[in-house]
Amino acid sequence: MKPHLIVFGILIAGFIAYNLFFRIGDERTNTAVNIIYASVLFAYISFMAYSLLRKMKK
């Protein structure tokens, strides 16, 4: 489970870094990138929960 948390921490750090330093000038494109990135983060949370439940089942 620890590698999953490290990857998740890297994804969160990337999200924060993008919003602080690498914003796109066009507001609509920036919003779309934020939504897609947040969707990837939530999908990874779902994957971590699924893998944890699978381990608990065994």
Protein backbone atom coordinates (compact mmCIF):
# COMPACT_ATOMS: atom_id res chain seq x y z
CA MET A 1 0.00 0.00 0.00
CA LYS A 2 2.93 2.33 0.62
CA PRO A 3 3.90 2.64 -3.08
CA HIS A 4 0.32 3.65 -3.87
CA LEU A 5 0.48 6.44 -1.32
CA ILE A 6 3.81 7.66 -2.70
CA VAL A 7 2.39 7.81 -6.23
CA PHE A 8 -0.71 9.58 -4.92
CA GLY A 9 1.49 12.12 -3.11
CA ILE A 10 3.41 12.75 -6.33
CA LEU A 11 0.13 13.26 -8.22
CA ILE A 12 -1.09 15.74 -5.58
CA ALA A 13 2.24 17.60 -5.69
CA GLY A 14 1.97 17.75 -9.48
CA PHE A 15 -1.55 19.15 -9.23
CA ILE A 16 -0.44 21.85 -6.81
CA ALA A 17 2.63 22.68 -8.89
CA TYR A 18 0.53 22.96 -12.03
CA ASN A 19 -1.91 25.35 -10.38
CA LEU A 20 0.84 27.50 -8.88
CA PHE A 21 3.43 27.64 -11.67
CA PHE A 22 2.27 26.12 -14.96
CA ARG A 23 -1.19 27.57 -15.52
CA ILE A 24 -2.41 27.91 -19.08
CA GLY A 25 -3.35 31.44 -20.10
CA ASP A 26 -6.75 30.53 -21.54
CA GLU A 27 -9.20 30.17 -18.64
CA ARG A 28 -11.42 27.59 -20.36
CA THR A 29 -8.46 25.35 -21.23
CA ASN A 30 -7.06 25.72 -17.74
CA THR A 31 -10.40 24.68 -16.25
CA ALA A 32 -10.55 21.66 -18.56
CA VAL A 33 -7.03 20.59 -17.55
CA ASN A 34 -7.93 20.97 -13.86
CA ILE A 35 -11.06 18.86 -14.31
CA ILE A 36 -9.17 16.13 -16.16
CA TYR A 37 -6.37 16.10 -13.58
CA ALA A 38 -8.88 15.94 -10.71
CA SER A 39 -10.64 13.07 -12.47
CA VAL A 40 -7.35 11.17 -12.66
CA LEU A 41 -6.79 11.80 -8.94
CA PHE A 42 -10.26 10.49 -8.03
CA ALA A 43 -9.78 7.47 -10.31
CA TYR A 44 -6.51 6.70 -8.51
CA ILE A 45 -8.25 6.99 -5.14
CA SER A 46 -10.83 4.50 -6.41
CA PHE A 47 -8.09 2.15 -7.56
CA MET A 48 -6.38 2.35 -4.15
CA ALA A 49 -9.67 1.60 -2.36
CA TYR A 50 -10.40 -1.33 -4.68
CA SER A 51 -6.95 -2.84 -4.17
CA LEU A 52 -7.24 -2.39 -0.40
CA LEU A 53 -10.63 -4.13 -0.34
CA ARG A 54 -9.24 -6.95 -2.46
CA LYS A 55 -6.35 -7.41 0.00
CA MET A 56 -8.74 -7.39 2.96
CA LYS A 57 -10.88 -10.05 1.31
CA LYS A 58 -7.97 -12.51 1.10
